[in-house]
Amino acid sequence: MTAEAARLDIALALVAFLCLGLTDFIRRKGMIEGGSPTGYLLLETLTLLAILPVAALLIEGHMPEMGPRLIPYALISGVTISIALIALMTALRIGEGSTIIPISRLGLALAAFLSLLFLGESITWTKILGIAMAIGAVILLSR
């Protein structure tokens, strides 16, 4: 990976971090207003479906190819994200965002750990320490 690509991936990760944080905050506000978790997610999904084709054209210059190799992964992750978002939205409806959101984001540590184990990504003490610190942070925030 070139130095420029490394900077771009970190910059994009920071954009994702900011947008995911805003998304969770806005979701919590929606649930405070008395929204239905599934109704909210349906509206959010319709917005996403409207934006994705435009993003594909802007980023890739064409509609993306959705080959057969992607289907099992997309279907499985579609099921897991549906369960995750319904559980998250329901939790945000009844609990505090400052507790619920960090716990739900611990999935990032799980994804990193699974990537290290099953995808052959490099394991460093820095990564292990980062995952451990994320787990520790969630434990502290949930008390």
N, C-alpha and C. Protein backbone atom coordinates (compact mmCIF):
# COMPACT_ATOMS: atom_id res chain seq x y z
N MET A 1 0.86 -1.18 0.00
CA MET A 1 0.00 0.00 0.00
C MET A 1 0.90 1.23 0.00
N THR A 2 0.56 2.17 -0.87
CA THR A 2 1.34 3.40 -0.94
C THR A 2 1.01 4.31 0.24
N ALA A 3 1.87 5.26 0.49
CA ALA A 3 1.63 6.21 1.58
C ALA A 3 0.36 7.01 1.33
N GLU A 4 0.11 7.34 0.06
CA GLU A 4 -1.11 8.09 -0.27
C GLU A 4 -2.36 7.26 0.00
N ALA A 5 -2.32 5.97 -0.35
CA ALA A 5 -3.46 5.10 -0.10
C ALA A 5 -3.69 4.93 1.39
N ALA A 6 -2.61 4.82 2.16
CA ALA A 6 -2.73 4.70 3.60
C ALA A 6 -3.38 5.93 4.21
N ARG A 7 -3.02 7.10 3.72
CA ARG A 7 -3.64 8.33 4.23
C ARG A 7 -5.11 8.39 3.84
N LEU A 8 -5.43 7.94 2.64
CA LEU A 8 -6.82 7.97 2.19
C LEU A 8 -7.67 7.01 3.00
N ASP A 9 -7.17 5.80 3.28
CA ASP A 9 -7.99 4.86 4.04
C ASP A 9 -8.25 5.37 5.45
N ILE A 10 -7.26 6.02 6.06
CA ILE A 10 -7.46 6.59 7.40
C ILE A 10 -8.44 7.76 7.33
N ALA A 11 -8.32 8.61 6.32
CA ALA A 11 -9.24 9.74 6.16
C ALA A 11 -10.68 9.24 5.98
N LEU A 12 -10.85 8.23 5.15
CA LEU A 12 -12.19 7.68 4.95
C LEU A 12 -12.73 7.02 6.22
N ALA A 13 -11.85 6.36 6.97
CA ALA A 13 -12.26 5.77 8.24
C ALA A 13 -12.72 6.86 9.21
N LEU A 14 -12.04 8.00 9.20
CA LEU A 14 -12.44 9.12 10.06
C LEU A 14 -13.79 9.70 9.65
N VAL A 15 -14.03 9.78 8.34
CA VAL A 15 -15.36 10.21 7.86
C VAL A 15 -16.42 9.23 8.35
N ALA A 16 -16.13 7.94 8.23
CA ALA A 16 -17.08 6.92 8.71
C ALA A 16 -17.33 7.06 10.21
N PHE A 17 -16.26 7.26 10.96
CA PHE A 17 -16.38 7.44 12.41
C PHE A 17 -17.29 8.61 12.74
N LEU A 18 -17.07 9.75 12.08
CA LEU A 18 -17.89 10.93 12.35
C LEU A 18 -19.35 10.70 11.97
N CYS A 19 -19.57 10.12 10.81
CA CYS A 19 -20.94 9.90 10.34
C CYS A 19 -21.66 8.84 11.17
N LEU A 20 -20.95 7.79 11.57
CA LEU A 20 -21.58 6.77 12.42
C LEU A 20 -21.93 7.35 13.79
N GLY A 21 -21.06 8.19 14.33
CA GLY A 21 -21.37 8.83 15.59
C GLY A 21 -22.59 9.74 15.49
N LEU A 22 -22.65 10.54 14.43
CA LEU A 22 -23.82 11.38 14.21
C LEU A 22 -25.08 10.54 14.00
N THR A 23 -24.93 9.46 13.25
CA THR A 23 -26.07 8.57 13.00
C THR A 23 -26.63 8.02 14.29
N ASP A 24 -25.76 7.53 15.17
CA ASP A 24 -26.22 6.99 16.45
C ASP A 24 -26.90 8.05 17.30
N PHE A 25 -26.34 9.26 17.31
CA PHE A 25 -26.95 10.34 18.07
C PHE A 25 -28.34 10.67 17.52
N ILE A 26 -28.44 10.78 16.20
CA ILE A 26 -29.72 11.11 15.57
C ILE A 26 -30.73 9.98 15.79
N ARG A 27 -30.27 8.73 15.72
CA ARG A 27 -31.17 7.60 16.02
C ARG A 27 -31.70 7.70 17.44
N ARG A 28 -30.83 8.01 18.39
CA ARG A 28 -31.26 8.14 19.78
C ARG A 28 -32.32 9.24 19.91
N LYS A 29 -32.08 10.37 19.25
CA LYS A 29 -33.05 11.47 19.28
C LYS A 29 -34.38 11.03 18.70
N GLY A 30 -34.33 10.28 17.61
CA GLY A 30 -35.57 9.77 17.01
C GLY A 30 -36.33 8.86 17.96
N MET A 31 -35.60 8.04 18.70
CA MET A 31 -36.27 7.15 19.64
C MET A 31 -36.81 7.91 20.84
N ILE A 32 -36.12 8.98 21.26
CA ILE A 32 -36.64 9.82 22.35
C ILE A 32 -37.96 10.46 21.92
N GLU A 33 -38.06 10.81 20.64
CA GLU A 33 -39.28 11.43 20.13
C GLU A 33 -40.43 10.44 20.02
N GLY A 34 -40.19 9.19 20.34
CA GLY A 34 -41.26 8.20 20.35
C GLY A 34 -41.39 7.42 19.06
N GLY A 35 -40.35 7.40 18.28
CA GLY A 35 -40.42 6.67 17.02
C GLY A 35 -40.46 5.17 17.21
N SER A 36 -40.97 4.51 16.20
CA SER A 36 -40.97 3.05 16.15
C SER A 36 -39.61 2.61 15.62
N PRO A 37 -38.93 1.69 16.29
CA PRO A 37 -37.64 1.23 15.77
C PRO A 37 -37.70 0.72 14.34
N THR A 38 -38.68 -0.10 14.02
CA THR A 38 -38.74 -0.64 12.66
C THR A 38 -39.19 0.42 11.66
N GLY A 39 -40.09 1.31 12.06
CA GLY A 39 -40.51 2.40 11.17
C GLY A 39 -39.34 3.32 10.85
N TYR A 40 -38.57 3.64 11.87
CA TYR A 40 -37.39 4.48 11.68
C TYR A 40 -36.42 3.82 10.72
N LEU A 41 -36.14 2.53 10.94
CA LEU A 41 -35.19 1.81 10.10
C LEU A 41 -35.68 1.70 8.66
N LEU A 42 -36.99 1.56 8.46
CA LEU A 42 -37.53 1.53 7.10
C LEU A 42 -37.28 2.86 6.39
N LEU A 43 -37.53 3.96 7.06
CA LEU A 43 -37.27 5.28 6.46
C LEU A 43 -35.79 5.48 6.20
N GLU A 44 -34.96 5.07 7.14
CA GLU A 44 -33.52 5.20 6.98
C GLU A 44 -33.04 4.36 5.79
N THR A 45 -33.59 3.17 5.65
CA THR A 45 -33.21 2.28 4.54
C THR A 45 -33.66 2.84 3.20
N LEU A 46 -34.84 3.43 3.14
CA LEU A 46 -35.30 4.05 1.89
C LEU A 46 -34.38 5.19 1.49
N THR A 47 -33.91 5.96 2.47
CA THR A 47 -32.97 7.04 2.19
C THR A 47 -31.66 6.46 1.64
N LEU A 48 -31.19 5.41 2.27
CA LEU A 48 -29.97 4.74 1.83
C LEU A 48 -30.12 4.21 0.40
N LEU A 49 -31.26 3.60 0.11
CA LEU A 49 -31.50 3.07 -1.23
C LEU A 49 -31.54 4.18 -2.29
N ALA A 50 -31.97 5.37 -1.90
CA ALA A 50 -31.98 6.49 -2.84
C ALA A 50 -30.57 7.03 -3.08
N ILE A 51 -29.73 6.99 -2.05
CA ILE A 51 -28.39 7.56 -2.14
C ILE A 51 -27.39 6.62 -2.81
N LEU A 52 -27.49 5.32 -2.57
CA LEU A 52 -26.49 4.38 -3.06
C LEU A 52 -26.29 4.36 -4.57
N PRO A 53 -27.34 4.39 -5.38
CA PRO A 53 -27.09 4.41 -6.83
C PRO A 53 -26.34 5.67 -7.28
N VAL A 54 -26.66 6.80 -6.68
CA VAL A 54 -25.96 8.05 -7.02
C VAL A 54 -24.50 7.94 -6.59
N ALA A 55 -24.25 7.41 -5.39
CA ALA A 55 -22.88 7.24 -4.92
C ALA A 55 -22.10 6.29 -5.83
N ALA A 56 -22.74 5.22 -6.27
CA ALA A 56 -22.06 4.27 -7.17
C ALA A 56 -21.65 4.96 -8.47
N LEU A 57 -22.54 5.76 -9.01
CA LEU A 57 -22.22 6.46 -10.25
C LEU A 57 -21.10 7.48 -10.06
N LEU A 58 -21.12 8.19 -8.93
CA LEU A 58 -20.09 9.19 -8.67
C LEU A 58 -18.73 8.55 -8.36
N ILE A 59 -18.73 7.47 -7.59
CA ILE A 59 -17.47 6.86 -7.16
C ILE A 59 -16.92 5.90 -8.21
N GLU A 60 -17.79 5.06 -8.77
CA GLU A 60 -17.32 4.02 -9.69
C GLU A 60 -17.57 4.34 -11.16
N GLY A 61 -18.43 5.31 -11.41
CA GLY A 61 -18.72 5.70 -12.78
C GLY A 61 -19.76 4.83 -13.46
N HIS A 62 -20.29 3.85 -12.75
CA HIS A 62 -21.30 2.95 -13.29
C HIS A 62 -22.01 2.25 -12.14
N MET A 63 -23.11 1.60 -12.45
CA MET A 63 -23.80 0.83 -11.42
C MET A 63 -22.92 -0.37 -11.08
N PRO A 64 -22.82 -0.69 -9.80
CA PRO A 64 -21.91 -1.76 -9.40
C PRO A 64 -22.39 -3.14 -9.85
N GLU A 65 -21.41 -3.98 -10.13
CA GLU A 65 -21.71 -5.36 -10.46
C GLU A 65 -21.95 -6.12 -9.16
N MET A 66 -23.00 -6.89 -9.13
CA MET A 66 -23.32 -7.67 -7.94
C MET A 66 -23.28 -9.14 -8.32
N GLY A 67 -22.09 -9.66 -8.46
CA GLY A 67 -21.88 -11.03 -8.92
C GLY A 67 -22.28 -12.07 -7.89
N PRO A 68 -22.34 -13.30 -8.33
CA PRO A 68 -22.79 -14.39 -7.47
C PRO A 68 -21.88 -14.64 -6.26
N ARG A 69 -20.62 -14.24 -6.35
CA ARG A 69 -19.72 -14.44 -5.20
C ARG A 69 -20.10 -13.55 -4.02
N LEU A 70 -20.77 -12.42 -4.30
CA LEU A 70 -21.16 -11.52 -3.23
C LEU A 70 -22.45 -11.95 -2.52
N ILE A 71 -23.29 -12.68 -3.22
CA ILE A 71 -24.64 -12.97 -2.72
C ILE A 71 -24.66 -13.60 -1.32
N PRO A 72 -23.92 -14.68 -1.06
CA PRO A 72 -24.04 -15.27 0.29
C PRO A 72 -23.58 -14.31 1.38
N TYR A 73 -22.52 -13.56 1.12
CA TYR A 73 -22.02 -12.63 2.13
C TYR A 73 -23.02 -11.49 2.36
N ALA A 74 -23.55 -10.97 1.28
CA ALA A 74 -24.51 -9.86 1.39
C ALA A 74 -25.79 -10.31 2.10
N LEU A 75 -26.25 -11.51 1.80
CA LEU A 75 -27.47 -12.00 2.46
C LEU A 75 -27.24 -12.24 3.95
N ILE A 76 -26.13 -12.85 4.28
CA ILE A 76 -25.84 -13.11 5.70
C ILE A 76 -25.65 -11.80 6.46
N SER A 77 -24.86 -10.87 5.89
CA SER A 77 -24.66 -9.60 6.59
C SER A 77 -25.94 -8.77 6.61
N GLY A 78 -26.80 -8.95 5.61
CA GLY A 78 -28.10 -8.28 5.63
C GLY A 78 -28.96 -8.75 6.80
N VAL A 79 -28.91 -10.03 7.07
CA VAL A 79 -29.65 -10.58 8.22
C VAL A 79 -29.03 -10.07 9.52
N THR A 80 -27.70 -10.15 9.63
CA THR A 80 -27.07 -9.74 10.90
C THR A 80 -27.22 -8.24 11.15
N ILE A 81 -27.14 -7.41 10.11
CA ILE A 81 -27.31 -5.97 10.33
C ILE A 81 -28.77 -5.65 10.67
N SER A 82 -29.70 -6.38 10.09
CA SER A 82 -31.11 -6.17 10.44
C SER A 82 -31.35 -6.47 11.91
N ILE A 83 -30.85 -7.61 12.37
CA ILE A 83 -31.00 -7.97 13.79
C ILE A 83 -30.31 -6.93 14.66
N ALA A 84 -29.09 -6.55 14.28
CA ALA A 84 -28.33 -5.59 15.07
C ALA A 84 -29.05 -4.24 15.17
N LEU A 85 -29.54 -3.75 14.04
CA LEU A 85 -30.18 -2.44 14.05
C LEU A 85 -31.52 -2.45 14.79
N ILE A 86 -32.29 -3.51 14.64
CA ILE A 86 -33.55 -3.60 15.38
C ILE A 86 -33.26 -3.65 16.88
N ALA A 87 -32.27 -4.45 17.28
CA ALA A 87 -31.90 -4.52 18.70
C ALA A 87 -31.38 -3.17 19.19
N LEU A 88 -30.51 -2.52 18.39
CA LEU A 88 -29.97 -1.22 18.77
C LEU A 88 -31.06 -0.18 18.92
N MET A 89 -31.94 -0.09 17.93
CA MET A 89 -33.00 0.92 17.98
C MET A 89 -33.94 0.69 19.16
N THR A 90 -34.25 -0.56 19.43
CA THR A 90 -35.11 -0.87 20.58
C THR A 90 -34.40 -0.51 21.88
N ALA A 91 -33.10 -0.82 21.97
CA ALA A 91 -32.33 -0.46 23.16
C ALA A 91 -32.26 1.06 23.32
N LEU A 92 -32.08 1.79 22.21
CA LEU A 92 -32.03 3.25 22.28
C LEU A 92 -33.37 3.84 22.70
N ARG A 93 -34.42 3.14 22.42
CA ARG A 93 -35.76 3.61 22.82
C ARG A 93 -35.93 3.54 24.33
N ILE A 94 -35.28 2.56 24.97
CA ILE A 94 -35.51 2.36 26.40
C ILE A 94 -34.32 2.70 27.28
N GLY A 95 -33.12 2.80 26.70
CA GLY A 95 -31.92 3.04 27.50
C GLY A 95 -31.22 4.33 27.13
N GLU A 96 -30.11 4.58 27.79
CA GLU A 96 -29.33 5.79 27.54
C GLU A 96 -28.35 5.55 26.39
N GLY A 97 -28.30 6.50 25.47
CA GLY A 97 -27.39 6.38 24.34
C GLY A 97 -25.94 6.31 24.78
N SER A 98 -25.60 7.00 25.87
CA SER A 98 -24.22 7.01 26.33
C SER A 98 -23.76 5.65 26.84
N THR A 99 -24.69 4.76 27.12
CA THR A 99 -24.37 3.39 27.50
C THR A 99 -24.57 2.43 26.34
N ILE A 100 -25.71 2.54 25.66
CA ILE A 100 -26.08 1.61 24.60
C ILE A 100 -25.13 1.68 23.42
N ILE A 101 -24.80 2.87 22.98
CA ILE A 101 -23.99 3.03 21.76
C ILE A 101 -22.58 2.46 21.93
N PRO A 102 -21.87 2.76 23.03
CA PRO A 102 -20.55 2.15 23.17
C PRO A 102 -20.59 0.62 23.21
N ILE A 103 -21.59 0.07 23.89
CA ILE A 103 -21.71 -1.39 23.94
C ILE A 103 -21.92 -1.94 22.54
N SER A 104 -22.79 -1.31 21.76
CA SER A 104 -23.06 -1.80 20.40
C SER A 104 -21.83 -1.67 19.51
N ARG A 105 -21.01 -0.67 19.75
CA ARG A 105 -19.83 -0.46 18.92
C ARG A 105 -18.68 -1.40 19.29
N LEU A 106 -18.85 -2.16 20.35
CA LEU A 106 -17.85 -3.17 20.68
C LEU A 106 -17.76 -4.21 19.57
N GLY A 107 -18.79 -4.25 18.72
CA GLY A 107 -18.74 -5.11 17.54
C GLY A 107 -17.55 -4.79 16.66
N LEU A 108 -17.06 -3.57 16.71
CA LEU A 108 -15.87 -3.20 15.94
C LEU A 108 -14.65 -3.96 16.44
N ALA A 109 -14.54 -4.13 17.75
CA ALA A 109 -13.44 -4.92 18.30
C ALA A 109 -13.58 -6.38 17.90
N LEU A 110 -14.81 -6.88 17.90
CA LEU A 110 -15.05 -8.26 17.46
C LEU A 110 -14.65 -8.44 16.00
N ALA A 111 -15.03 -7.49 15.16
CA ALA A 111 -14.67 -7.57 13.73
C ALA A 111 -13.16 -7.54 13.55
N ALA A 112 -12.48 -6.69 14.30
CA ALA A 112 -11.02 -6.63 14.21
C ALA A 112 -10.40 -7.95 14.65
N PHE A 113 -10.89 -8.50 15.75
CA PHE A 113 -10.37 -9.77 16.25
C PHE A 113 -10.60 -10.90 15.24
N LEU A 114 -11.81 -10.97 14.67
CA LEU A 114 -12.11 -12.01 13.68
C LEU A 114 -11.26 -11.83 12.42
N SER A 115 -11.00 -10.59 12.03
CA SER A 115 -10.14 -10.33 10.87
C SER A 115 -8.72 -10.81 11.12
N LEU A 116 -8.25 -10.62 12.34
CA LEU A 116 -6.91 -11.10 12.68
C LEU A 116 -6.85 -12.62 12.63
N LEU A 117 -7.91 -13.27 13.16
CA LEU A 117 -7.91 -14.73 13.23
C LEU A 117 -8.16 -15.41 11.89
N PHE A 118 -9.15 -14.94 11.15
CA PHE A 118 -9.62 -15.68 9.99
C PHE A 118 -9.24 -15.10 8.63
N LEU A 119 -8.82 -13.84 8.58
CA LEU A 119 -8.48 -13.23 7.30
C LEU A 119 -6.99 -13.02 7.12
N GLY A 120 -6.23 -13.50 8.08
CA GLY A 120 -4.78 -13.43 7.95
C GLY A 120 -4.20 -12.04 8.07
N GLU A 121 -4.93 -11.12 8.67
CA GLU A 121 -4.38 -9.78 8.86
C GLU A 121 -3.29 -9.83 9.92
N SER A 122 -2.37 -8.91 9.84
CA SER A 122 -1.23 -8.94 10.74
C SER A 122 -1.66 -8.66 12.18
N ILE A 123 -1.11 -9.44 13.08
CA ILE A 123 -1.39 -9.27 14.51
C ILE A 123 -0.18 -8.57 15.12
N THR A 124 -0.46 -7.42 15.73
CA THR A 124 0.60 -6.69 16.42
C THR A 124 0.14 -6.43 17.85
N TRP A 125 1.11 -6.16 18.70
CA TRP A 125 0.75 -5.83 20.08
C TRP A 125 -0.07 -4.56 20.14
N THR A 126 0.17 -3.66 19.22
CA THR A 126 -0.60 -2.41 19.17
C THR A 126 -2.07 -2.71 18.90
N LYS A 127 -2.34 -3.60 17.95
CA LYS A 127 -3.72 -3.96 17.64
C LYS A 127 -4.38 -4.68 18.82
N ILE A 128 -3.64 -5.61 19.42
CA ILE A 128 -4.19 -6.33 20.58
C ILE A 128 -4.49 -5.36 21.71
N LEU A 129 -3.58 -4.44 21.96
CA LEU A 129 -3.78 -3.44 23.01
C LEU A 129 -4.98 -2.55 22.68
N GLY A 130 -5.12 -2.15 21.42
CA GLY A 130 -6.26 -1.33 21.01
C GLY A 130 -7.58 -2.03 21.23
N ILE A 131 -7.66 -3.31 20.86
CA ILE A 131 -8.89 -4.08 21.07
C ILE A 131 -9.18 -4.19 22.57
N ALA A 132 -8.15 -4.48 23.37
CA ALA A 132 -8.33 -4.59 24.81
C ALA A 132 -8.80 -3.26 25.41
N MET A 133 -8.23 -2.17 24.93
CA MET A 133 -8.64 -0.85 25.43
C MET A 133 -10.09 -0.54 25.05
N ALA A 134 -10.49 -0.94 23.85
CA ALA A 134 -11.89 -0.73 23.44
C ALA A 134 -12.83 -1.50 24.36
N ILE A 135 -12.48 -2.72 24.67
CA ILE A 135 -13.30 -3.53 25.58
C ILE A 135 -13.33 -2.87 26.96
N GLY A 136 -12.17 -2.42 27.44
CA GLY A 136 -12.12 -1.74 28.73
C GLY A 136 -12.95 -0.48 28.76
N ALA A 137 -12.91 0.29 27.69
CA ALA A 137 -13.70 1.52 27.60
C ALA A 137 -15.19 1.22 27.70
N VAL A 138 -15.63 0.19 27.01
CA VAL A 138 -17.06 -0.17 27.06
C VAL A 138 -17.46 -0.61 28.45
N ILE A 139 -16.60 -1.37 29.10
CA ILE A 139 -16.90 -1.79 30.48
C ILE A 139 -17.05 -0.57 31.38
N LEU A 140 -16.14 0.40 31.24
CA LEU A 140 -16.23 1.61 32.06
C LEU A 140 -17.47 2.43 31.74
N LEU A 141 -17.79 2.57 30.47
CA LEU A 141 -18.95 3.38 30.07
C LEU A 141 -20.28 2.75 30.44
N SER A 142 -20.31 1.43 30.58
CA SER A 142 -21.59 0.77 30.85
C SER A 142 -21.88 0.65 32.34
N ARG A 143 -21.01 1.18 33.18
CA ARG A 143 -21.26 1.10 34.63
C ARG A 143 -22.02 2.29 35.13
